[in-house]
Amino acid sequence: MDIHSYFNGLGGKTRDDYDSRGRVIAITDPLVATMRRSYSEADEVVAETDPLGRTTTAGYDGAGRQMWPCEPQR
């Protein structure tokens, strides 16, 4: 895993975590809220979980085009 950090204009630090394939798997903002992503073997984002634990999923066709997003329940 690789980690990159950067600062915004107010000095807040954001951290990006990458997997061994160079894909962003987590982004942690200055308030320490983390968004996580999961990928398919074809490097398609198939799930994204926001800092509140709500997960959005996505499906793709055989050509790799996103066919449907499924928004989290509120």
N, C-alpha and C. Protein backbone atom coordinates (compact mmCIF):
# COMPACT_ATOMS: atom_id res chain seq x y z
N MET A 1 0.85 -1.17 0.00
CA MET A 1 0.00 0.00 0.00
C MET A 1 0.90 1.23 0.00
N ASP A 2 0.44 2.27 -0.67
CA ASP A 2 1.16 3.53 -0.77
C ASP A 2 0.25 4.62 -0.20
N ILE A 3 0.84 5.60 0.44
CA ILE A 3 0.06 6.69 1.04
C ILE A 3 0.61 8.02 0.56
N HIS A 4 -0.27 8.91 0.16
CA HIS A 4 0.10 10.26 -0.24
C HIS A 4 -0.71 11.23 0.61
N SER A 5 -0.07 12.28 1.09
CA SER A 5 -0.75 13.31 1.88
C SER A 5 -0.52 14.67 1.26
N TYR A 6 -1.50 15.54 1.40
CA TYR A 6 -1.36 16.91 0.90
C TYR A 6 -2.18 17.83 1.79
N PHE A 7 -1.86 19.12 1.74
CA PHE A 7 -2.50 20.11 2.59
C PHE A 7 -3.31 21.09 1.77
N ASN A 8 -4.45 21.52 2.32
CA ASN A 8 -5.26 22.54 1.65
C ASN A 8 -4.76 23.92 2.08
N GLY A 9 -5.36 24.97 1.58
CA GLY A 9 -4.93 26.33 1.87
C GLY A 9 -5.05 26.72 3.34
N LEU A 10 -5.85 26.00 4.10
CA LEU A 10 -6.01 26.30 5.52
C LEU A 10 -5.14 25.41 6.40
N GLY A 11 -4.30 24.59 5.77
CA GLY A 11 -3.41 23.72 6.52
C GLY A 11 -4.00 22.37 6.87
N GLY A 12 -5.22 22.09 6.39
CA GLY A 12 -5.84 20.79 6.65
C GLY A 12 -5.19 19.71 5.80
N LYS A 13 -4.94 18.57 6.39
CA LYS A 13 -4.25 17.47 5.70
C LYS A 13 -5.25 16.44 5.18
N THR A 14 -5.10 16.08 3.91
CA THR A 14 -5.88 15.00 3.30
C THR A 14 -4.91 13.88 2.96
N ARG A 15 -5.34 12.65 3.19
CA ARG A 15 -4.49 11.48 2.94
C ARG A 15 -5.19 10.55 1.97
N ASP A 16 -4.47 10.12 0.94
CA ASP A 16 -4.96 9.14 -0.02
C ASP A 16 -4.19 7.84 0.17
N ASP A 17 -4.89 6.73 0.32
CA ASP A 17 -4.27 5.41 0.41
C ASP A 17 -4.49 4.68 -0.90
N TYR A 18 -3.44 4.04 -1.42
CA TYR A 18 -3.48 3.33 -2.69
C TYR A 18 -3.19 1.85 -2.45
N ASP A 19 -3.81 0.99 -3.24
CA ASP A 19 -3.51 -0.43 -3.16
C ASP A 19 -2.29 -0.75 -4.02
N SER A 20 -1.93 -2.02 -4.10
CA SER A 20 -0.73 -2.43 -4.85
C SER A 20 -0.87 -2.21 -6.35
N ARG A 21 -2.09 -1.98 -6.83
CA ARG A 21 -2.31 -1.72 -8.26
C ARG A 21 -2.42 -0.23 -8.56
N GLY A 22 -2.17 0.62 -7.56
CA GLY A 22 -2.18 2.07 -7.76
C GLY A 22 -3.56 2.70 -7.73
N ARG A 23 -4.55 1.98 -7.23
CA ARG A 23 -5.92 2.49 -7.16
C ARG A 23 -6.16 3.13 -5.79
N VAL A 24 -6.87 4.26 -5.77
CA VAL A 24 -7.20 4.91 -4.50
C VAL A 24 -8.23 4.04 -3.78
N ILE A 25 -7.88 3.60 -2.57
CA ILE A 25 -8.81 2.76 -1.81
C ILE A 25 -9.40 3.49 -0.61
N ALA A 26 -8.79 4.61 -0.22
CA ALA A 26 -9.33 5.40 0.89
C ALA A 26 -8.85 6.84 0.78
N ILE A 27 -9.73 7.76 1.12
CA ILE A 27 -9.39 9.18 1.19
C ILE A 27 -9.84 9.66 2.56
N THR A 28 -8.89 10.19 3.33
CA THR A 28 -9.20 10.71 4.66
C THR A 28 -9.02 12.22 4.63
N ASP A 29 -10.08 12.95 4.96
CA ASP A 29 -10.05 14.41 4.88
C ASP A 29 -9.52 15.03 6.18
N PRO A 30 -9.38 16.37 6.22
CA PRO A 30 -8.84 17.03 7.41
C PRO A 30 -9.65 16.79 8.69
N LEU A 31 -10.91 16.45 8.57
CA LEU A 31 -11.73 16.18 9.75
C LEU A 31 -11.67 14.71 10.16
N VAL A 32 -10.78 13.95 9.52
CA VAL A 32 -10.55 12.53 9.76
C VAL A 32 -11.78 11.70 9.40
N ALA A 33 -12.50 12.14 8.39
CA ALA A 33 -13.60 11.37 7.83
C ALA A 33 -13.04 10.62 6.62
N THR A 34 -13.31 9.32 6.55
CA THR A 34 -12.72 8.50 5.50
C THR A 34 -13.77 7.96 4.54
N MET A 35 -13.47 8.06 3.24
CA MET A 35 -14.27 7.48 2.18
C MET A 35 -13.46 6.30 1.64
N ARG A 36 -14.09 5.15 1.44
CA ARG A 36 -13.40 3.95 0.96
C ARG A 36 -13.99 3.48 -0.36
N ARG A 37 -13.13 2.90 -1.20
CA ARG A 37 -13.56 2.36 -2.50
C ARG A 37 -13.14 0.90 -2.64
N SER A 38 -13.99 0.15 -3.37
CA SER A 38 -13.67 -1.23 -3.73
C SER A 38 -13.72 -1.33 -5.25
N TYR A 39 -12.89 -2.21 -5.81
CA TYR A 39 -12.76 -2.32 -7.26
C TYR A 39 -12.99 -3.75 -7.73
N SER A 40 -13.38 -3.87 -9.00
CA SER A 40 -13.48 -5.18 -9.65
C SER A 40 -12.09 -5.56 -10.17
N GLU A 41 -11.96 -6.77 -10.66
CA GLU A 41 -10.69 -7.19 -11.27
C GLU A 41 -10.36 -6.36 -12.50
N ALA A 42 -11.37 -5.73 -13.10
CA ALA A 42 -11.16 -4.88 -14.29
C ALA A 42 -10.91 -3.42 -13.90
N ASP A 43 -10.62 -3.17 -12.61
CA ASP A 43 -10.32 -1.83 -12.08
C ASP A 43 -11.52 -0.88 -12.10
N GLU A 44 -12.72 -1.41 -12.10
CA GLU A 44 -13.93 -0.58 -12.06
C GLU A 44 -14.32 -0.37 -10.59
N VAL A 45 -14.71 0.85 -10.24
CA VAL A 45 -15.18 1.11 -8.88
C VAL A 45 -16.54 0.43 -8.73
N VAL A 46 -16.64 -0.54 -7.83
CA VAL A 46 -17.89 -1.27 -7.65
C VAL A 46 -18.61 -0.89 -6.36
N ALA A 47 -17.89 -0.26 -5.45
CA ALA A 47 -18.52 0.20 -4.20
C ALA A 47 -17.71 1.37 -3.64
N GLU A 48 -18.45 2.31 -3.06
CA GLU A 48 -17.82 3.45 -2.41
C GLU A 48 -18.59 3.71 -1.13
N THR A 49 -17.88 3.73 -0.01
CA THR A 49 -18.51 3.95 1.29
C THR A 49 -18.11 5.31 1.81
N ASP A 50 -19.11 6.12 2.15
CA ASP A 50 -18.83 7.48 2.62
C ASP A 50 -18.49 7.46 4.11
N PRO A 51 -18.07 8.60 4.67
CA PRO A 51 -17.69 8.64 6.08
C PRO A 51 -18.81 8.27 7.05
N LEU A 52 -20.05 8.33 6.62
CA LEU A 52 -21.18 7.95 7.48
C LEU A 52 -21.52 6.47 7.37
N GLY A 53 -20.75 5.72 6.58
CA GLY A 53 -20.97 4.29 6.43
C GLY A 53 -21.98 3.91 5.38
N ARG A 54 -22.45 4.87 4.57
CA ARG A 54 -23.40 4.58 3.50
C ARG A 54 -22.63 4.14 2.26
N THR A 55 -23.04 3.04 1.66
CA THR A 55 -22.33 2.48 0.51
C THR A 55 -23.13 2.64 -0.77
N THR A 56 -22.47 3.15 -1.80
CA THR A 56 -23.03 3.24 -3.15
C THR A 56 -22.34 2.16 -3.97
N THR A 57 -23.12 1.36 -4.71
CA THR A 57 -22.54 0.32 -5.56
C THR A 57 -22.80 0.65 -7.02
N ALA A 58 -22.06 0.00 -7.90
CA ALA A 58 -22.22 0.22 -9.34
C ALA A 58 -22.05 -1.10 -10.08
N GLY A 59 -22.71 -1.20 -11.24
CA GLY A 59 -22.59 -2.37 -12.11
C GLY A 59 -22.14 -1.94 -13.49
N TYR A 60 -21.48 -2.83 -14.19
CA TYR A 60 -20.90 -2.52 -15.49
C TYR A 60 -21.28 -3.59 -16.50
N ASP A 61 -21.34 -3.20 -17.78
CA ASP A 61 -21.59 -4.19 -18.83
C ASP A 61 -20.27 -4.80 -19.27
N GLY A 62 -20.32 -5.71 -20.25
CA GLY A 62 -19.13 -6.40 -20.73
C GLY A 62 -18.09 -5.49 -21.35
N ALA A 63 -18.48 -4.30 -21.77
CA ALA A 63 -17.55 -3.34 -22.37
C ALA A 63 -16.97 -2.38 -21.32
N GLY A 64 -17.34 -2.59 -20.05
CA GLY A 64 -16.81 -1.75 -18.99
C GLY A 64 -17.54 -0.44 -18.78
N ARG A 65 -18.72 -0.31 -19.40
CA ARG A 65 -19.51 0.92 -19.21
C ARG A 65 -20.38 0.78 -17.97
N GLN A 66 -20.40 1.84 -17.17
CA GLN A 66 -21.24 1.80 -15.98
C GLN A 66 -22.70 1.77 -16.40
N MET A 67 -23.42 0.76 -15.94
CA MET A 67 -24.81 0.58 -16.32
C MET A 67 -25.78 1.05 -15.24
N TRP A 68 -25.38 0.96 -13.99
CA TRP A 68 -26.27 1.40 -12.93
C TRP A 68 -25.49 1.73 -11.68
N PRO A 69 -25.86 2.84 -11.08
CA PRO A 69 -25.37 3.11 -9.73
C PRO A 69 -26.51 2.78 -8.76
N CYS A 70 -26.20 2.35 -7.60
CA CYS A 70 -27.21 2.10 -6.58
C CYS A 70 -26.85 2.98 -5.39
N GLU A 71 -27.64 4.03 -5.19
CA GLU A 71 -27.37 4.98 -4.12
C GLU A 71 -27.65 4.35 -2.75
N PRO A 72 -26.94 4.81 -1.74
CA PRO A 72 -27.18 4.27 -0.40
C PRO A 72 -28.55 4.65 0.13
N GLN A 73 -29.08 3.81 0.98
CA GLN A 73 -30.36 4.13 1.62
C GLN A 73 -30.11 5.16 2.71
N ARG A 74 -31.04 6.06 2.89
CA ARG A 74 -30.89 7.11 3.90
C ARG A 74 -31.56 6.71 5.19
